C-alpha atoms as a PDB file:
ATOM      1  CA  MET A   1     -19.473 -32.399 -14.224  1.00  0.00           C
ATOM      2  CA  PHE A   2     -20.556 -28.944 -15.377  1.00  0.00           C
ATOM      3  CA  LEU A   3     -22.847 -28.547 -12.358  1.00  0.00           C
ATOM      4  CA  LEU A   4     -20.044 -29.653 -10.064  1.00  0.00           C
ATOM      5  CA  LEU A   5     -17.741 -27.033 -11.591  1.00  0.00           C
ATOM      6  CA  VAL A   6     -20.364 -24.320 -11.117  1.00  0.00           C
ATOM      7  CA  LEU A   7     -20.779 -25.383  -7.477  1.00  0.00           C
ATOM      8  CA  LEU A   8     -17.037 -25.268  -6.859  1.00  0.00           C
ATOM      9  CA  LEU A   9     -16.785 -21.807  -8.399  1.00  0.00           C
ATOM     10  CA  ALA A  10     -19.661 -20.591  -6.235  1.00  0.00           C
ATOM     11  CA  LEU A  11     -17.985 -21.932  -3.119  1.00  0.00           C
ATOM     12  CA  GLN A  12     -14.849 -20.024  -4.044  1.00  0.00           C
ATOM     13  CA  SER A  13     -16.645 -16.685  -4.479  1.00  0.00           C
ATOM     14  CA  GLN A  14     -14.441 -13.720  -3.731  1.00  0.00           C
ATOM     15  CA  GLN A  15     -14.805 -10.183  -2.454  1.00  0.00           C
ATOM     16  CA  ALA A  16     -12.556  -7.495  -3.969  1.00  0.00           C
ATOM     17  CA  ILE A  17     -11.476  -4.645  -1.691  1.00  0.00           C
ATOM     18  CA  LYS A  18      -9.718  -1.610  -3.158  1.00  0.00           C
ATOM     19  CA  LEU A  19      -7.126   0.173  -1.024  1.00  0.00           C
ATOM     20  CA  LYS A  20      -8.039   3.826  -1.490  1.00  0.00           C
ATOM     21  CA  ARG A  21      -5.865   5.664   1.027  1.00  0.00           C
ATOM     22  CA  PHE A  22      -2.503   5.533   2.785  1.00  0.00           C
ATOM     23  CA  GLU A  23      -1.650   4.808   6.400  1.00  0.00           C
ATOM     24  CA  ILE A  24       1.796   5.151   7.971  1.00  0.00           C
ATOM     25  CA  LEU A  25       2.794   2.548  10.552  1.00  0.00           C
ATOM     26  CA  ARG A  26       5.634   3.356  12.960  1.00  0.00           C
ATOM     27  CA  VAL A  27       7.167  -0.019  13.766  1.00  0.00           C
ATOM     28  CA  ASP A  28      10.509  -1.611  14.567  1.00  0.00           C
ATOM     29  CA  PRO A  29      12.183  -3.697  11.829  1.00  0.00           C
ATOM     30  CA  ALA A  30      12.155  -6.629  14.263  1.00  0.00           C
ATOM     31  CA  GLY A  31       8.375  -6.447  14.294  1.00  0.00           C
ATOM     32  CA  MET A  32       8.185  -6.584  10.522  1.00  0.00           C
ATOM     33  CA  ASN A  33      10.566  -9.537  10.508  1.00  0.00           C
ATOM     34  CA  ARG A  34       8.211 -11.451  12.810  1.00  0.00           C
ATOM     35  CA  LEU A  35       5.588 -11.554  10.079  1.00  0.00           C
ATOM     36  CA  PRO A  36       5.403 -14.850   8.204  1.00  0.00           C
ATOM     37  CA  PRO A  37       7.087 -14.160   4.828  1.00  0.00           C
ATOM     38  CA  SER A  38       3.936 -14.670   2.760  1.00  0.00           C
ATOM     39  CA  LEU A  39       2.132 -11.941   4.720  1.00  0.00           C
ATOM     40  CA  ARG A  40       4.752  -9.202   4.361  1.00  0.00           C
ATOM     41  CA  ALA A  41       3.278  -8.155   1.018  1.00  0.00           C
ATOM     42  CA  PHE A  42       0.492  -6.398   2.940  1.00  0.00           C
ATOM     43  CA  PHE A  43       2.995  -3.637   3.657  1.00  0.00           C
ATOM     44  CA  ALA A  44       3.904  -1.605   0.588  1.00  0.00           C
ATOM     45  CA  ASP A  45       7.138  -0.576  -1.075  1.00  0.00           C
ATOM     46  CA  PRO A  46       6.196   2.909  -2.334  1.00  0.00           C
ATOM     47  CA  VAL A  47       8.989   3.116  -4.930  1.00  0.00           C
ATOM     48  CA  PRO A  48       9.286  -0.244  -6.723  1.00  0.00           C
ATOM     49  CA  ASP A  49      11.877  -0.899  -9.400  1.00  0.00           C
ATOM     50  CA  ALA A  50      10.959   0.253 -12.884  1.00  0.00           C
ATOM     51  CA  GLU A  51      12.057  -0.820 -16.353  1.00  0.00           C
ATOM     52  CA  PRO A  52      13.072   2.209 -18.462  1.00  0.00           C
ATOM     53  CA  VAL A  53      10.962   3.064 -21.497  1.00  0.00           C
ATOM     54  CA  ALA A  54      11.665   5.433 -24.370  1.00  0.00           C
ATOM     55  CA  SER A  55       8.537   7.578 -24.389  1.00  0.00           C
ATOM     56  CA  LEU A  56       5.319   8.519 -22.655  1.00  0.00           C
ATOM     57  CA  ASN A  57       3.371   6.619 -25.304  1.00  0.00           C
ATOM     58  CA  GLU A  58       5.326   3.440 -24.593  1.00  0.00           C
ATOM     59  CA  ALA A  59       4.790   3.903 -20.851  1.00  0.00           C
ATOM     60  CA  ALA A  60       1.046   4.327 -21.419  1.00  0.00           C
ATOM     61  CA  MET A  61       0.843   1.280 -23.683  1.00  0.00           C
ATOM     62  CA  ARG A  62       2.692  -0.991 -21.268  1.00  0.00           C
ATOM     63  CA  ALA A  63       0.987   0.296 -18.111  1.00  0.00           C
ATOM     64  CA  GLY A  64      -2.483   0.247 -19.614  1.00  0.00           C
ATOM     65  CA  PHE A  65      -3.338   3.833 -18.678  1.00  0.00           C
ATOM     66  CA  THR A  66      -2.251   7.357 -19.636  1.00  0.00           C
ATOM     67  CA  PRO A  67       0.106   8.765 -16.993  1.00  0.00           C
ATOM     68  CA  ARG A  68      -0.873  12.110 -15.504  1.00  0.00           C
ATOM     69  CA  LEU A  69       2.217  14.236 -15.014  1.00  0.00           C
ATOM     70  CA  PRO A  70       2.920  17.740 -13.705  1.00  0.00           C
ATOM     71  CA  LYS A  71       2.470  20.466 -16.290  1.00  0.00           C
ATOM     72  CA  SER A  72       5.488  22.453 -15.153  1.00  0.00           C
ATOM     73  CA  ALA A  73       8.309  19.958 -15.854  1.00  0.00           C
ATOM     74  CA  THR A  74       9.530  17.329 -18.310  1.00  0.00           C
ATOM     75  CA  PRO A  75      10.828  13.978 -17.011  1.00  0.00           C
ATOM     76  CA  ILE A  76      14.373  12.963 -17.880  1.00  0.00           C
ATOM     77  CA  GLN A  77      13.491   9.266 -17.639  1.00  0.00           C
ATOM     78  CA  LEU A  78      10.310   7.209 -17.648  1.00  0.00           C
ATOM     79  CA  GLY A  79       9.878   3.661 -16.452  1.00  0.00           C
ATOM     80  CA  VAL A  80       7.158   1.057 -15.985  1.00  0.00           C
ATOM     81  CA  THR A  81       6.856  -0.811 -12.699  1.00  0.00           C
ATOM     82  CA  ASP A  82       5.904  -4.464 -12.621  1.00  0.00           C
ATOM     83  CA  PRO A  83       2.368  -5.501 -11.722  1.00  0.00           C
ATOM     84  CA  VAL A  84       1.827  -7.181  -8.369  1.00  0.00           C
ATOM     85  CA  HIS A  85       0.142 -10.578  -8.200  1.00  0.00           C
ATOM     86  CA  THR A  86       0.880 -12.122  -4.811  1.00  0.00           C
ATOM     87  CA  ASP A  87      -0.984 -14.782  -2.863  1.00  0.00           C
ATOM     88  CA  ALA A  88      -0.793 -14.449   0.916  1.00  0.00           C
ATOM     89  CA  ARG A  89      -1.679 -17.770   2.532  1.00  0.00           C
ATOM     90  CA  ILE A  90      -2.650 -17.807   6.196  1.00  0.00           C
ATOM     91  CA  GLU A  91      -1.064 -20.508   8.307  1.00  0.00           C
ATOM     92  CA  LEU A  92      -2.407 -20.257  11.833  1.00  0.00           C
ATOM     93  CA  GLU A  93       0.537 -21.955  13.521  1.00  0.00           C
ATOM     94  CA  ALA A  94       3.034 -19.572  11.898  1.00  0.00           C
ATOM     95  CA  LEU A  95       0.875 -16.577  12.805  1.00  0.00           C
ATOM     96  CA  SER A  96       0.443 -17.846  16.382  1.00  0.00           C
ATOM     97  CA  GLN A  97       4.203 -18.297  16.681  1.00  0.00           C
ATOM     98  CA  ALA A  98       4.737 -14.738  15.445  1.00  0.00           C
ATOM     99  CA  LEU A  99       2.408 -13.465  18.171  1.00  0.00           C
ATOM    100  CA  ARG A 100       4.262 -15.505  20.780  1.00  0.00           C
ATOM    101  CA  ASP A 101       7.603 -14.183  19.523  1.00  0.00           C
ATOM    102  CA  GLY A 102       6.275 -10.679  20.068  1.00  0.00           C
ATOM    103  CA  THR A 103       4.963 -11.619  23.541  1.00  0.00           C
ATOM    104  CA  VAL A 104       1.465 -10.713  22.373  1.00  0.00           C
ATOM    105  CA  THR A 105      -1.379 -12.251  24.379  1.00  0.00           C
ATOM    106  CA  ASN A 106      -5.187 -12.166  24.308  1.00  0.00           C
ATOM    107  CA  VAL A 107      -5.399 -12.442  20.515  1.00  0.00           C
ATOM    108  CA  THR A 108      -7.662 -15.121  19.096  1.00  0.00           C
ATOM    109  CA  MET A 109      -8.048 -16.211  15.489  1.00  0.00           C
ATOM    110  CA  PRO A 110     -10.901 -18.203  13.939  1.00  0.00           C
ATOM    111  CA  GLN A 111      -9.933 -21.734  12.959  1.00  0.00           C
ATOM    112  CA  ASP A 112     -11.549 -21.282   9.557  1.00  0.00           C
ATOM    113  CA  TRP A 113      -8.750 -18.833   8.664  1.00  0.00           C
ATOM    114  CA  GLU A 114      -6.451 -21.827   8.188  1.00  0.00           C
ATOM    115  CA  ALA A 115      -5.195 -22.018   4.579  1.00  0.00           C
ATOM    116  CA  VAL A 116      -7.219 -18.983   3.485  1.00  0.00           C
ATOM    117  CA  THR A 117      -5.491 -17.257   0.576  1.00  0.00           C
ATOM    118  CA  ILE A 118      -5.670 -13.500   0.025  1.00  0.00           C
ATOM    119  CA  ALA A 119      -4.694 -12.281  -3.426  1.00  0.00           C
ATOM    120  CA  ILE A 120      -2.843  -8.960  -3.491  1.00  0.00           C
ATOM    121  CA  GLU A 121      -3.032  -7.341  -6.908  1.00  0.00           C
ATOM    122  CA  ARG A 122      -1.911  -4.088  -8.464  1.00  0.00           C
ATOM    123  CA  GLY A 123      -1.543  -3.240 -12.121  1.00  0.00           C
ATOM    124  CA  PRO A 124       1.636  -1.886 -13.720  1.00  0.00           C
ATOM    125  CA  GLY A 125       2.628   1.633 -12.739  1.00  0.00           C
ATOM    126  CA  VAL A 126       4.625   4.478 -14.255  1.00  0.00           C
ATOM    127  CA  LEU A 127       7.688   6.073 -12.700  1.00  0.00           C
ATOM    128  CA  ALA A 128       8.710   9.541 -13.901  1.00  0.00           C
ATOM    129  CA  ASP A 129      12.174  10.737 -12.871  1.00  0.00           C
ATOM    130  CA  TYR A 130      12.710  14.514 -13.038  1.00  0.00           C
ATOM    131  CA  GLY A 131      16.178  14.549 -11.493  1.00  0.00           C
ATOM    132  CA  ASP A 132      15.290  16.456  -8.330  1.00  0.00           C
ATOM    133  CA  PHE A 133      12.164  14.417  -7.705  1.00  0.00           C
ATOM    134  CA  VAL A 134      10.369  11.227  -8.732  1.00  0.00           C
ATOM    135  CA  ILE A 135       6.658  10.533  -9.153  1.00  0.00           C
ATOM    136  CA  VAL A 136       5.239   7.004  -9.163  1.00  0.00           C
ATOM    137  CA  GLN A 137       1.621   6.353 -10.075  1.00  0.00           C
ATOM    138  CA  ALA A 138      -0.299   3.096 -10.336  1.00  0.00           C
ATOM    139  CA  PRO A 139      -3.825   1.715 -10.154  1.00  0.00           C
ATOM    140  CA  GLN A 140      -5.187   1.259  -6.664  1.00  0.00           C
ATOM    141  CA  PRO A 141      -4.169  -2.102  -5.178  1.00  0.00           C
ATOM    142  CA  THR A 142      -6.885  -4.681  -4.609  1.00  0.00           C
ATOM    143  CA  LEU A 143      -7.202  -7.416  -2.001  1.00  0.00           C
ATOM    144  CA  ASN A 144      -9.285 -10.417  -3.073  1.00  0.00           C
ATOM    145  CA  THR A 145     -10.513 -12.522  -0.176  1.00  0.00           C
ATOM    146  CA  PRO A 146     -13.100 -15.272   0.228  1.00  0.00           C
ATOM    147  CA  SER A 147     -16.580 -13.839   0.563  1.00  0.00           C
ATOM    148  CA  GLY A 148     -17.377 -13.088   4.192  1.00  0.00           C
ATOM    149  CA  PHE A 149     -13.739 -13.141   5.349  1.00  0.00           C
ATOM    150  CA  SER A 150     -13.171 -10.605   8.149  1.00  0.00           C
ATOM    151  CA  LEU A 151     -10.292  -8.681   6.610  1.00  0.00           C
ATOM    152  CA  ASP A 152     -10.360  -5.922   9.230  1.00  0.00           C
ATOM    153  CA  GLN A 153      -9.977  -8.497  12.015  1.00  0.00           C
ATOM    154  CA  PHE A 154      -7.107 -10.094  10.131  1.00  0.00           C
ATOM    155  CA  VAL A 155      -5.182  -6.837   9.664  1.00  0.00           C
ATOM    156  CA  GLU A 156      -5.649  -6.116  13.372  1.00  0.00           C
ATOM    157  CA  VAL A 157      -3.799  -9.372  14.091  1.00  0.00           C
ATOM    158  CA  LEU A 158      -1.015  -8.282  11.723  1.00  0.00           C
ATOM    159  CA  PHE A 159      -0.751  -4.964  13.569  1.00  0.00           C
ATOM    160  CA  ARG A 160      -0.274  -6.818  16.856  1.00  0.00           C
ATOM    161  CA  VAL A 161       2.389  -9.068  15.326  1.00  0.00           C
ATOM    162  CA  VAL A 162       4.487  -6.096  14.170  1.00  0.00           C
ATOM    163  CA  GLY A 163       4.378  -4.527  17.638  1.00  0.00           C
ATOM    164  CA  ILE A 164       1.418  -2.133  17.662  1.00  0.00           C
ATOM    165  CA  ASN A 165      -0.353  -2.089  21.017  1.00  0.00           C
ATOM    166  CA  ALA A 166      -3.913  -3.301  21.423  1.00  0.00           C
ATOM    167  CA  PRO A 167      -5.723   0.094  21.593  1.00  0.00           C
ATOM    168  CA  ASP A 168      -3.858   1.486  18.573  1.00  0.00           C
ATOM    169  CA  ALA A 169      -4.353  -1.740  16.627  1.00  0.00           C
ATOM    170  CA  ARG A 170      -8.111  -1.597  17.303  1.00  0.00           C
ATOM    171  CA  THR A 171      -8.242   2.053  16.152  1.00  0.00           C
ATOM    172  CA  LEU A 172      -6.371   1.164  12.953  1.00  0.00           C
ATOM    173  CA  ARG A 173      -8.746  -1.755  12.396  1.00  0.00           C
ATOM    174  CA  GLN A 174     -11.771   0.533  12.689  1.00  0.00           C
ATOM    175  CA  LYS A 175     -10.258   3.020  10.242  1.00  0.00           C
ATOM    176  CA  PHE A 176      -9.451   0.187   7.822  1.00  0.00           C
ATOM    177  CA  ALA A 177     -12.986  -1.187   8.035  1.00  0.00           C
ATOM    178  CA  ALA A 178     -14.407   2.247   7.208  1.00  0.00           C
ATOM    179  CA  ASN A 179     -11.898   3.058   4.459  1.00  0.00           C
ATOM    180  CA  PRO A 180      -9.339   0.350   3.504  1.00  0.00           C
ATOM    181  CA  ALA A 181      -5.744   1.570   3.357  1.00  0.00           C
ATOM    182  CA  LEU A 182      -2.363   0.744   1.913  1.00  0.00           C
ATOM    183  CA  PHE A 183       0.191   0.564   4.738  1.00  0.00           C
ATOM    184  CA  PHE A 184       3.706   2.035   4.675  1.00  0.00           C
ATOM    185  CA  PRO A 185       5.915   0.921   7.598  1.00  0.00           C
ATOM    186  CA  ILE A 186       8.549   3.397   8.848  1.00  0.00           C
ATOM    187  CA  PRO A 187      10.999   2.419  11.612  1.00  0.00           C
ATOM    188  CA  ILE A 188      10.336   4.101  14.958  1.00  0.00           C
ATOM    189  CA  ARG A 189      13.994   5.090  15.284  1.00  0.00           C
ATOM    190  CA  TYR A 190      13.567   7.751  12.623  1.00  0.00           C
ATOM    191  CA  GLU A 191      12.254  11.064  13.907  1.00  0.00           C
ATOM    192  CA  MET A 192       9.597  12.007  11.394  1.00  0.00           C
ATOM    193  CA  ASP A 193       7.196  14.850  10.712  1.00  0.00           C
ATOM    194  CA  ILE A 194       4.093  13.177   9.231  1.00  0.00           C
ATOM    195  CA  HIS A 195       0.986  15.242   8.668  1.00  0.00           C
ATOM    196  CA  GLU A 196      -2.020  15.520   6.398  1.00  0.00           C
ATOM    197  CA  VAL A 197      -2.145  18.170   3.699  1.00  0.00           C
ATOM    198  CA  ARG A 198      -5.047  19.318   1.578  1.00  0.00           C
ATOM    199  CA  LEU A 199      -4.763  18.776  -2.189  1.00  0.00           C
ATOM    200  CA  ASN A 200      -7.162  19.585  -4.993  1.00  0.00           C
ATOM    201  CA  SER A 201      -7.922  15.874  -5.281  1.00  0.00           C
ATOM    202  CA  GLY A 202      -8.441  15.412  -1.525  1.00  0.00           C
ATOM    203  CA  PRO A 203      -6.202  14.644   1.461  1.00  0.00           C
ATOM    204  CA  GLY A 204      -2.559  13.613   1.144  1.00  0.00           C
ATOM    205  CA  LEU A 205       0.116  12.556   3.612  1.00  0.00           C
ATOM    206  CA  LEU A 206       3.397  14.454   3.751  1.00  0.00           C
ATOM    207  CA  LEU A 207       6.438  12.741   5.264  1.00  0.00           C
ATOM    208  CA  GLN A 208       9.721  14.401   6.166  1.00  0.00           C
ATOM    209  CA  ASN A 209      12.456  13.812   8.697  1.00  0.00           C
ATOM    210  CA  GLY A 210      12.137  15.720  11.933  1.00  0.00           C
ATOM    211  CA  SER A 211      14.911  18.173  11.053  1.00  0.00           C
ATOM    212  CA  LYS A 212      13.135  19.001   7.756  1.00  0.00           C
ATOM    213  CA  ILE A 213      16.473  18.533   5.964  1.00  0.00           C
ATOM    214  CA  GLY A 214      16.705  16.284   2.929  1.00  0.00           C
ATOM    215  CA  ASP A 215      14.082  14.679   0.743  1.00  0.00           C
ATOM    216  CA  LEU A 216      10.411  14.629   1.598  1.00  0.00           C
ATOM    217  CA  ALA A 217       7.589  12.461   0.314  1.00  0.00           C
ATOM    218  CA  LEU A 218       3.951  13.066  -0.464  1.00  0.00           C
ATOM    219  CA  VAL A 219       1.440  10.255  -0.988  1.00  0.00           C
ATOM    220  CA  TRP A 220      -2.164  10.588  -2.112  1.00  0.00           C
ATOM    221  CA  SER A 221      -4.865   8.849  -4.065  1.00  0.00           C
ATOM    222  CA  THR A 222      -7.543   9.762  -6.577  1.00  0.00           C
ATOM    223  CA  ALA A 223     -10.635   7.945  -7.779  1.00  0.00           C
ATOM    224  CA  ASP A 224      -8.602   5.295  -9.596  1.00  0.00           C
ATOM    225  CA  HIS A 225      -4.872   5.790  -8.934  1.00  0.00           C
ATOM    226  CA  ILE A 226      -2.342   6.111  -6.150  1.00  0.00           C
ATOM    227  CA  TYR A 227       0.569   8.556  -6.297  1.00  0.00           C
ATOM    228  CA  PHE A 228       3.924   8.776  -4.542  1.00  0.00           C
ATOM    229  CA  LEU A 229       6.115  11.886  -4.941  1.00  0.00           C
ATOM    230  CA  THR A 230       9.560  12.139  -3.378  1.00  0.00           C
ATOM    231  CA  GLY A 231      12.573  14.378  -3.809  1.00  0.00           C
ATOM    232  CA  ALA A 232      14.455  17.515  -2.824  1.00  0.00           C
ATOM    233  CA  LEU A 233      11.377  19.706  -2.521  1.00  0.00           C
ATOM    234  CA  THR A 234       9.757  22.027  -0.037  1.00  0.00           C
ATOM    235  CA  GLU A 235       6.293  21.245   1.256  1.00  0.00           C
ATOM    236  CA  THR A 236       4.879  24.073  -0.856  1.00  0.00           C
ATOM    237  CA  GLN A 237       6.594  22.775  -4.000  1.00  0.00           C
ATOM    238  CA  ALA A 238       5.359  19.218  -3.387  1.00  0.00           C
ATOM    239  CA  ILE A 239       1.772  20.391  -2.958  1.00  0.00           C
ATOM    240  CA  GLU A 240       1.992  22.561  -6.079  1.00  0.00           C
ATOM    241  CA  LEU A 241       3.298  19.617  -8.115  1.00  0.00           C
ATOM    242  CA  ALA A 242       0.556  17.318  -6.838  1.00  0.00           C
ATOM    243  CA  ASN A 243      -2.092  19.913  -7.624  1.00  0.00           C
ATOM    244  CA  SER A 244      -0.753  20.352 -11.150  1.00  0.00           C
ATOM    245  CA  ILE A 245      -1.600  16.716 -11.956  1.00  0.00           C
ATOM    246  CA  GLN A 246      -5.075  16.904 -13.400  1.00  0.00           C
ATOM    247  CA  GLU A 247      -7.554  14.044 -13.333  1.00  0.00           C
ATOM    248  CA  PRO A 248      -9.595  13.614 -16.529  1.00  0.00           C
END
């Protein structure tokens, strides 16, 4: 029995893939709705709900890490976001129907994808509300797949389902294979200014509406955490705030 258990565990060996950067996807809501429900978790909600806590120490204890906050301001409210533990199960018929619904052709999927489960995991995060802006930070998400599973090919299929054309989907697949990303979908109908900025910790993505009026957002990652900053800020202020968060 023990040897049988060891064999079963070996057959179920997993590969863990950390999502270390951000990618913006411009898609129509109808495309997102075509995704089978269990697969929609691949596309992130950058500002999840948070349960208020009384102090930074409590936030650190519940999140399991010490939050790194800007030096120039004091938050008016802190909260802890729930961890993510979601299983995305592939059902080939549902995925094939989604491709048909999007009139997507010339996409093939291996039969051994049937019933494959991908675990999407992220630890608790910390939300700091400063009134004019909010910062959310959390450990990098991880995708756990069966060993040898072609995750880059799978995400390319998801891109086609949500309405991304074949050349762009292949480019996104290649970028994902080289450096796995967390995807944020933004409806095409919104005119957006999205561009890379240089931070002390590396590259970040700045998002703002085309008129540059209203809130903006800045997303970036470090060696072990992801960050999302949004609020009534200028680009210069957002970059200064991000740079004031020091890694240990």
